[in-house]
Amino acid sequence: MRGCLYIGRSDCIIERFNTHYEYSHNRHLRRALRNPVGVIQFSWLLAEGQPQKHLEQQLIRSLHPLCNDIRYVTKEA
């Protein structure tokens, strides 16, 4: 298992996938989707309201997705 490729938010997951597959600015994700090594599994969470961005940030911090351009890091004191 390679780990998590990408974490993001969307109102329409099908449109967002197609955007990444066809002409995403994220060349690493586009390459991973077009030329998978093994089986790619998709998962999603339904979240409403303000917690969406916070949840996305937490997941990126903890899972370290390979194709996310933005990395949220916890500042250590």
PDB file of N, CA and C in Angstrom:
ATOM      1  N   MET A   1       0.844  -1.183   0.000  1.00  0.00           N
ATOM      2  CA  MET A   1       0.000   0.000   0.000  1.00  0.00           C
ATOM      3  C   MET A   1       0.888   1.245   0.000  1.00  0.00           C
ATOM      4  N   ARG A   2       0.602   2.175  -0.882  1.00  0.00           N
ATOM      5  CA  ARG A   2       1.424   3.369  -1.050  1.00  0.00           C
ATOM      6  C   ARG A   2       1.027   4.495  -0.123  1.00  0.00           C
ATOM      7  N   GLY A   3      -0.173   4.475   0.384  1.00  0.00           N
ATOM      8  CA  GLY A   3      -0.635   5.558   1.230  1.00  0.00           C
ATOM      9  C   GLY A   3      -1.609   6.457   0.497  1.00  0.00           C
ATOM     10  N   CYS A   4      -1.947   7.520   1.139  1.00  0.00           N
ATOM     11  CA  CYS A   4      -2.934   8.462   0.630  1.00  0.00           C
ATOM     12  C   CYS A   4      -2.319   9.319  -0.478  1.00  0.00           C
ATOM     13  N   LEU A   5      -3.025   9.448  -1.604  1.00  0.00           N
ATOM     14  CA  LEU A   5      -2.535  10.271  -2.705  1.00  0.00           C
ATOM     15  C   LEU A   5      -2.935  11.734  -2.569  1.00  0.00           C
ATOM     16  N   TYR A   6      -4.200  11.983  -2.224  1.00  0.00           N
ATOM     17  CA  TYR A   6      -4.700  13.356  -2.266  1.00  0.00           C
ATOM     18  C   TYR A   6      -5.889  13.514  -1.323  1.00  0.00           C
ATOM     19  N   ILE A   7      -5.956  14.684  -0.701  1.00  0.00           N
ATOM     20  CA  ILE A   7      -7.104  15.045   0.131  1.00  0.00           C
ATOM     21  C   ILE A   7      -7.574  16.410  -0.328  1.00  0.00           C
ATOM     22  N   GLY A   8      -8.874  16.548  -0.559  1.00  0.00           N
ATOM     23  CA  GLY A   8      -9.422  17.828  -0.991  1.00  0.00           C
ATOM     24  C   GLY A   8     -10.915  17.891  -0.727  1.00  0.00           C
ATOM     25  N   ARG A   9     -11.455  19.091  -0.892  1.00  0.00           N
ATOM     26  CA  ARG A   9     -12.887  19.318  -0.681  1.00  0.00           C
ATOM     27  C   ARG A   9     -13.555  19.600  -2.022  1.00  0.00           C
ATOM     28  N   SER A  10     -14.838  19.237  -2.115  1.00  0.00           N
ATOM     29  CA  SER A  10     -15.585  19.490  -3.340  1.00  0.00           C
ATOM     30  C   SER A  10     -17.083  19.392  -3.076  1.00  0.00           C
ATOM     31  N   ASP A  11     -17.836  20.169  -3.832  1.00  0.00           N
ATOM     32  CA  ASP A  11     -19.297  20.058  -3.783  1.00  0.00           C
ATOM     33  C   ASP A  11     -19.784  18.930  -4.695  1.00  0.00           C
ATOM     34  N   CYS A  12     -18.994  18.615  -5.728  1.00  0.00           N
ATOM     35  CA  CYS A  12     -19.348  17.535  -6.653  1.00  0.00           C
ATOM     36  C   CYS A  12     -18.103  16.691  -6.900  1.00  0.00           C
ATOM     37  N   ILE A  13     -18.047  15.533  -6.270  1.00  0.00           N
ATOM     38  CA  ILE A  13     -16.846  14.700  -6.320  1.00  0.00           C
ATOM     39  C   ILE A  13     -16.547  14.189  -7.729  1.00  0.00           C
ATOM     40  N   ILE A  14     -17.556  13.916  -8.520  1.00  0.00           N
ATOM     41  CA  ILE A  14     -17.342  13.431  -9.885  1.00  0.00           C
ATOM     42  C   ILE A  14     -16.693  14.506 -10.747  1.00  0.00           C
ATOM     43  N   GLU A  15     -17.198  15.732 -10.656  1.00  0.00           N
ATOM     44  CA  GLU A  15     -16.602  16.839 -11.412  1.00  0.00           C
ATOM     45  C   GLU A  15     -15.168  17.095 -10.968  1.00  0.00           C
ATOM     46  N   ARG A  16     -14.926  17.029  -9.663  1.00  0.00           N
ATOM     47  CA  ARG A  16     -13.585  17.273  -9.144  1.00  0.00           C
ATOM     48  C   ARG A  16     -12.617  16.204  -9.625  1.00  0.00           C
ATOM     49  N   PHE A  17     -13.045  14.940  -9.611  1.00  0.00           N
ATOM     50  CA  PHE A  17     -12.198  13.869 -10.121  1.00  0.00           C
ATOM     51  C   PHE A  17     -11.867  14.107 -11.594  1.00  0.00           C
ATOM     52  N   ASN A  18     -12.887  14.399 -12.393  1.00  0.00           N
ATOM     53  CA  ASN A  18     -12.666  14.628 -13.824  1.00  0.00           C
ATOM     54  C   ASN A  18     -11.721  15.802 -14.061  1.00  0.00           C
ATOM     55  N   THR A  19     -11.837  16.840 -13.248  1.00  0.00           N
ATOM     56  CA  THR A  19     -10.933  17.984 -13.367  1.00  0.00           C
ATOM     57  C   THR A  19      -9.499  17.549 -13.117  1.00  0.00           C
ATOM     58  N   HIS A  20      -9.276  16.794 -12.062  1.00  0.00           N
ATOM     59  CA  HIS A  20      -7.925  16.321 -11.763  1.00  0.00           C
ATOM     60  C   HIS A  20      -7.415  15.372 -12.850  1.00  0.00           C
ATOM     61  N   TYR A  21      -8.280  14.537 -13.362  1.00  0.00           N
ATOM     62  CA  TYR A  21      -7.865  13.550 -14.363  1.00  0.00           C
ATOM     63  C   TYR A  21      -7.529  14.202 -15.700  1.00  0.00           C
ATOM     64  N   GLU A  22      -8.338  15.169 -16.112  1.00  0.00           N
ATOM     65  CA  GLU A  22      -8.190  15.758 -17.439  1.00  0.00           C
ATOM     66  C   GLU A  22      -7.147  16.871 -17.521  1.00  0.00           C
ATOM     67  N   TYR A  23      -7.234  17.861 -16.631  1.00  0.00           N
ATOM     68  CA  TYR A  23      -6.365  19.031 -16.805  1.00  0.00           C
ATOM     69  C   TYR A  23      -5.990  19.706 -15.492  1.00  0.00           C
ATOM     70  N   SER A  24      -5.730  18.933 -14.506  1.00  0.00           N
ATOM     71  CA  SER A  24      -5.370  19.485 -13.209  1.00  0.00           C
ATOM     72  C   SER A  24      -4.012  20.174 -13.264  1.00  0.00           C
ATOM     73  N   HIS A  25      -3.877  21.257 -12.526  1.00  0.00           N
ATOM     74  CA  HIS A  25      -2.586  21.916 -12.377  1.00  0.00           C
ATOM     75  C   HIS A  25      -1.639  21.050 -11.551  1.00  0.00           C
ATOM     76  N   ASN A  26      -2.188  20.077 -10.847  1.00  0.00           N
ATOM     77  CA  ASN A  26      -1.395  19.188  -9.989  1.00  0.00           C
ATOM     78  C   ASN A  26      -0.912  18.010 -10.837  1.00  0.00           C
ATOM     79  N   ARG A  27       0.261  18.171 -11.436  1.00  0.00           N
ATOM     80  CA  ARG A  27       0.761  17.157 -12.370  1.00  0.00           C
ATOM     81  C   ARG A  27       1.034  15.817 -11.690  1.00  0.00           C
ATOM     82  N   HIS A  28       1.403  15.834 -10.408  1.00  0.00           N
ATOM     83  CA  HIS A  28       1.672  14.583  -9.698  1.00  0.00           C
ATOM     84  C   HIS A  28       0.398  13.754  -9.537  1.00  0.00           C
ATOM     85  N   LEU A  29      -0.691  14.428  -9.174  1.00  0.00           N
ATOM     86  CA  LEU A  29      -1.965  13.721  -9.018  1.00  0.00           C
ATOM     87  C   LEU A  29      -2.486  13.250 -10.363  1.00  0.00           C
ATOM     88  N   ARG A  30      -2.408  14.102 -11.365  1.00  0.00           N
ATOM     89  CA  ARG A  30      -2.876  13.727 -12.706  1.00  0.00           C
ATOM     90  C   ARG A  30      -2.111  12.489 -13.200  1.00  0.00           C
ATOM     91  N   ARG A  31      -0.813  12.447 -12.990  1.00  0.00           N
ATOM     92  CA  ARG A  31      -0.001  11.309 -13.414  1.00  0.00           C
ATOM     93  C   ARG A  31      -0.386  10.048 -12.632  1.00  0.00           C
ATOM     94  N   ALA A  32      -0.609  10.192 -11.324  1.00  0.00           N
ATOM     95  CA  ALA A  32      -0.978   9.036 -10.495  1.00  0.00           C
ATOM     96  C   ALA A  32      -2.335   8.470 -10.905  1.00  0.00           C
ATOM     97  N   LEU A  33      -3.271   9.331 -11.287  1.00  0.00           N
ATOM     98  CA  LEU A  33      -4.599   8.864 -11.705  1.00  0.00           C
ATOM     99  C   LEU A  33      -4.561   8.214 -13.079  1.00  0.00           C
ATOM    100  N   ARG A  34      -3.783   8.769 -13.982  1.00  0.00           N
ATOM    101  CA  ARG A  34      -3.726   8.243 -15.345  1.00  0.00           C
ATOM    102  C   ARG A  34      -2.892   6.972 -15.463  1.00  0.00           C
ATOM    103  N   ASN A  35      -1.885   6.847 -14.622  1.00  0.00           N
ATOM    104  CA  ASN A  35      -0.985   5.695 -14.692  1.00  0.00           C
ATOM    105  C   ASN A  35      -0.843   5.056 -13.313  1.00  0.00           C
ATOM    106  N   PRO A  36      -1.899   4.453 -12.810  1.00  0.00           N
ATOM    107  CA  PRO A  36      -1.835   3.903 -11.450  1.00  0.00           C
ATOM    108  C   PRO A  36      -0.897   2.700 -11.361  1.00  0.00           C
ATOM    109  N   VAL A  37      -0.289   2.574 -10.208  1.00  0.00           N
ATOM    110  CA  VAL A  37       0.511   1.395  -9.888  1.00  0.00           C
ATOM    111  C   VAL A  37      -0.326   0.603  -8.894  1.00  0.00           C
ATOM    112  N   GLY A  38      -0.914  -0.461  -9.338  1.00  0.00           N
ATOM    113  CA  GLY A  38      -1.809  -1.230  -8.486  1.00  0.00           C
ATOM    114  C   GLY A  38      -3.225  -0.659  -8.522  1.00  0.00           C
ATOM    115  N   VAL A  39      -3.963  -0.968  -7.496  1.00  0.00           N
ATOM    116  CA  VAL A  39      -5.360  -0.572  -7.398  1.00  0.00           C
ATOM    117  C   VAL A  39      -5.473   0.749  -6.642  1.00  0.00           C
ATOM    118  N   ILE A  40      -6.270   1.671  -7.183  1.00  0.00           N
ATOM    119  CA  ILE A  40      -6.541   2.933  -6.491  1.00  0.00           C
ATOM    120  C   ILE A  40      -7.912   2.810  -5.837  1.00  0.00           C
ATOM    121  N   GLN A  41      -7.984   3.117  -4.565  1.00  0.00           N
ATOM    122  CA  GLN A  41      -9.254   3.101  -3.851  1.00  0.00           C
ATOM    123  C   GLN A  41      -9.634   4.539  -3.505  1.00  0.00           C
ATOM    124  N   PHE A  42     -10.915   4.865  -3.634  1.00  0.00           N
ATOM    125  CA  PHE A  42     -11.413   6.185  -3.321  1.00  0.00           C
ATOM    126  C   PHE A  42     -12.247   6.130  -2.054  1.00  0.00           C
ATOM    127  N   SER A  43     -12.078   7.130  -1.222  1.00  0.00           N
ATOM    128  CA  SER A  43     -12.873   7.257  -0.006  1.00  0.00           C
ATOM    129  C   SER A  43     -13.311   8.702   0.112  1.00  0.00           C
ATOM    130  N   TRP A  44     -14.441   8.908   0.760  1.00  0.00           N
ATOM    131  CA  TRP A  44     -14.881  10.269   0.989  1.00  0.00           C
ATOM    132  C   TRP A  44     -15.661  10.350   2.280  1.00  0.00           C
ATOM    133  N   LEU A  45     -15.686  11.548   2.824  1.00  0.00           N
ATOM    134  CA  LEU A  45     -16.452  11.850   4.033  1.00  0.00           C
ATOM    135  C   LEU A  45     -17.431  12.953   3.699  1.00  0.00           C
ATOM    136  N   LEU A  46     -18.629  12.848   4.192  1.00  0.00           N
ATOM    137  CA  LEU A  46     -19.597  13.920   4.029  1.00  0.00           C
ATOM    138  C   LEU A  46     -19.519  14.823   5.249  1.00  0.00           C
ATOM    139  N   ALA A  47     -19.262  16.090   5.007  1.00  0.00           N
ATOM    140  CA  ALA A  47     -19.165  17.065   6.096  1.00  0.00           C
ATOM    141  C   ALA A  47     -19.866  18.343   5.644  1.00  0.00           C
ATOM    142  N   GLU A  48     -20.614  18.936   6.529  1.00  0.00           N
ATOM    143  CA  GLU A  48     -21.333  20.158   6.194  1.00  0.00           C
ATOM    144  C   GLU A  48     -20.860  21.307   7.068  1.00  0.00           C
ATOM    145  N   GLY A  49     -20.861  22.492   6.480  1.00  0.00           N
ATOM    146  CA  GLY A  49     -20.562  23.688   7.259  1.00  0.00           C
ATOM    147  C   GLY A  49     -19.082  23.947   7.461  1.00  0.00           C
ATOM    148  N   GLN A  50     -18.764  24.694   8.488  1.00  0.00           N
ATOM    149  CA  GLN A  50     -17.419  25.153   8.776  1.00  0.00           C
ATOM    150  C   GLN A  50     -16.393  24.043   9.017  1.00  0.00           C
ATOM    151  N   PRO A  51     -16.752  22.905   9.584  1.00  0.00           N
ATOM    152  CA  PRO A  51     -15.730  21.908   9.900  1.00  0.00           C
ATOM    153  C   PRO A  51     -14.998  21.361   8.672  1.00  0.00           C
ATOM    154  N   GLN A  52     -15.505  21.604   7.466  1.00  0.00           N
ATOM    155  CA  GLN A  52     -14.902  21.029   6.271  1.00  0.00           C
ATOM    156  C   GLN A  52     -13.425  21.394   6.133  1.00  0.00           C
ATOM    157  N   LYS A  53     -13.124  22.670   6.187  1.00  0.00           N
ATOM    158  CA  LYS A  53     -11.736  23.100   6.006  1.00  0.00           C
ATOM    159  C   LYS A  53     -10.854  22.570   7.134  1.00  0.00           C
ATOM    160  N   HIS A  54     -11.352  22.634   8.347  1.00  0.00           N
ATOM    161  CA  HIS A  54     -10.593  22.138   9.499  1.00  0.00           C
ATOM    162  C   HIS A  54     -10.333  20.634   9.372  1.00  0.00           C
ATOM    163  N   LEU A  55     -11.342  19.877   8.961  1.00  0.00           N
ATOM    164  CA  LEU A  55     -11.200  18.435   8.767  1.00  0.00           C
ATOM    165  C   LEU A  55     -10.177  18.146   7.669  1.00  0.00           C
ATOM    166  N   GLU A  56     -10.263  18.885   6.578  1.00  0.00           N
ATOM    167  CA  GLU A  56      -9.306  18.714   5.483  1.00  0.00           C
ATOM    168  C   GLU A  56      -7.872  18.953   5.980  1.00  0.00           C
ATOM    169  N   GLN A  57      -7.674  20.015   6.722  1.00  0.00           N
ATOM    170  CA  GLN A  57      -6.346  20.334   7.245  1.00  0.00           C
ATOM    171  C   GLN A  57      -5.837  19.237   8.181  1.00  0.00           C
ATOM    172  N   GLN A  58      -6.702  18.753   9.060  1.00  0.00           N
ATOM    173  CA  GLN A  58      -6.316  17.684   9.985  1.00  0.00           C
ATOM    174  C   GLN A  58      -5.912  16.409   9.234  1.00  0.00           C
ATOM    175  N   LEU A  59      -6.681  16.053   8.217  1.00  0.00           N
ATOM    176  CA  LEU A  59      -6.386  14.847   7.445  1.00  0.00           C
ATOM    177  C   LEU A  59      -5.066  14.984   6.685  1.00  0.00           C
ATOM    178  N   ILE A  60      -4.819  16.161   6.125  1.00  0.00           N
ATOM    179  CA  ILE A  60      -3.555  16.388   5.415  1.00  0.00           C
ATOM    180  C   ILE A  60      -2.381  16.307   6.381  1.00  0.00           C
ATOM    181  N   ARG A  61      -2.547  16.901   7.563  1.00  0.00           N
ATOM    182  CA  ARG A  61      -1.481  16.840   8.568  1.00  0.00           C
ATOM    183  C   ARG A  61      -1.169  15.402   8.988  1.00  0.00           C
ATOM    184  N   SER A  62      -2.196  14.602   9.173  1.00  0.00           N
ATOM    185  CA  SER A  62      -1.978  13.265   9.721  1.00  0.00           C
ATOM    186  C   SER A  62      -1.638  12.219   8.662  1.00  0.00           C
ATOM    187  N   LEU A  63      -2.185  12.336   7.449  1.00  0.00           N
ATOM    188  CA  LEU A  63      -1.976  11.298   6.427  1.00  0.00           C
ATOM    189  C   LEU A  63      -0.846  11.615   5.444  1.00  0.00           C
ATOM    190  N   HIS A  64      -0.400  12.850   5.375  1.00  0.00           N
ATOM    191  CA  HIS A  64       0.691  13.258   4.478  1.00  0.00           C
ATOM    192  C   HIS A  64       0.484  12.744   3.054  1.00  0.00           C
ATOM    193  N   PRO A  65      -0.598  13.181   2.394  1.00  0.00           N
ATOM    194  CA  PRO A  65      -0.877  12.685   1.050  1.00  0.00           C
ATOM    195  C   PRO A  65       0.251  13.034   0.072  1.00  0.00           C
ATOM    196  N   LEU A  66       0.595  12.084  -0.785  1.00  0.00           N
ATOM    197  CA  LEU A  66       1.723  12.214  -1.685  1.00  0.00           C
ATOM    198  C   LEU A  66       1.546  13.324  -2.728  1.00  0.00           C
ATOM    199  N   CYS A  67       0.326  13.613  -3.152  1.00  0.00           N
ATOM    200  CA  CYS A  67       0.100  14.552  -4.252  1.00  0.00           C
ATOM    201  C   CYS A  67      -0.488  15.897  -3.828  1.00  0.00           C
ATOM    202  N   ASN A  68      -0.643  16.156  -2.555  1.00  0.00           N
ATOM    203  CA  ASN A  68      -1.128  17.467  -2.121  1.00  0.00           C
ATOM    204  C   ASN A  68       0.018  18.473  -2.207  1.00  0.00           C
ATOM    205  N   ASP A  69      -0.235  19.595  -2.873  1.00  0.00           N
ATOM    206  CA  ASP A  69       0.766  20.656  -2.963  1.00  0.00           C
ATOM    207  C   ASP A  69       0.902  21.388  -1.638  1.00  0.00           C
ATOM    208  N   ILE A  70      -0.211  21.597  -0.966  1.00  0.00           N
ATOM    209  CA  ILE A  70      -0.212  22.330   0.293  1.00  0.00           C
ATOM    210  C   ILE A  70      -0.046  21.325   1.437  1.00  0.00           C
ATOM    211  N   ARG A  71       0.892  21.611   2.312  1.00  0.00           N
ATOM    212  CA  ARG A  71       1.124  20.772   3.501  1.00  0.00           C
ATOM    213  C   ARG A  71       0.831  21.632   4.725  1.00  0.00           C
ATOM    214  N   TYR A  72      -0.084  21.194   5.528  1.00  0.00           N
ATOM    215  CA  TYR A  72      -0.364  21.901   6.775  1.00  0.00           C
ATOM    216  C   TYR A  72       0.503  21.274   7.847  1.00  0.00           C
ATOM    217  N   VAL A  73       1.342  22.072   8.433  1.00  0.00           N
ATOM    218  CA  VAL A  73       2.220  21.541   9.474  1.00  0.00           C
ATOM    219  C   VAL A  73       1.882  22.216  10.798  1.00  0.00           C
ATOM    220  N   THR A  74       2.084  21.479  11.838  1.00  0.00           N
ATOM    221  CA  THR A  74       1.867  22.014  13.175  1.00  0.00           C
ATOM    222  C   THR A  74       3.162  22.678  13.621  1.00  0.00           C
ATOM    223  N   LYS A  75       3.058  23.942  14.001  1.00  0.00           N
ATOM    224  CA  LYS A  75       4.238  24.664  14.464  1.00  0.00           C
ATOM    225  C   LYS A  75       4.589  24.197  15.864  1.00  0.00           C
ATOM    226  N   GLU A  76       5.829  23.828  16.033  1.00  0.00           N
ATOM    227  CA  GLU A  76       6.285  23.382  17.346  1.00  0.00           C
ATOM    228  C   GLU A  76       6.918  24.557  18.070  1.00  0.00           C
ATOM    229  N   ALA A  77       6.621  24.676  19.354  1.00  0.00           N
ATOM    230  CA  ALA A  77       7.138  25.787  20.135  1.00  0.00           C
ATOM    231  C   ALA A  77       8.518  25.509  20.656  1.00  0.00           C
TER     232      ALA A  77
END
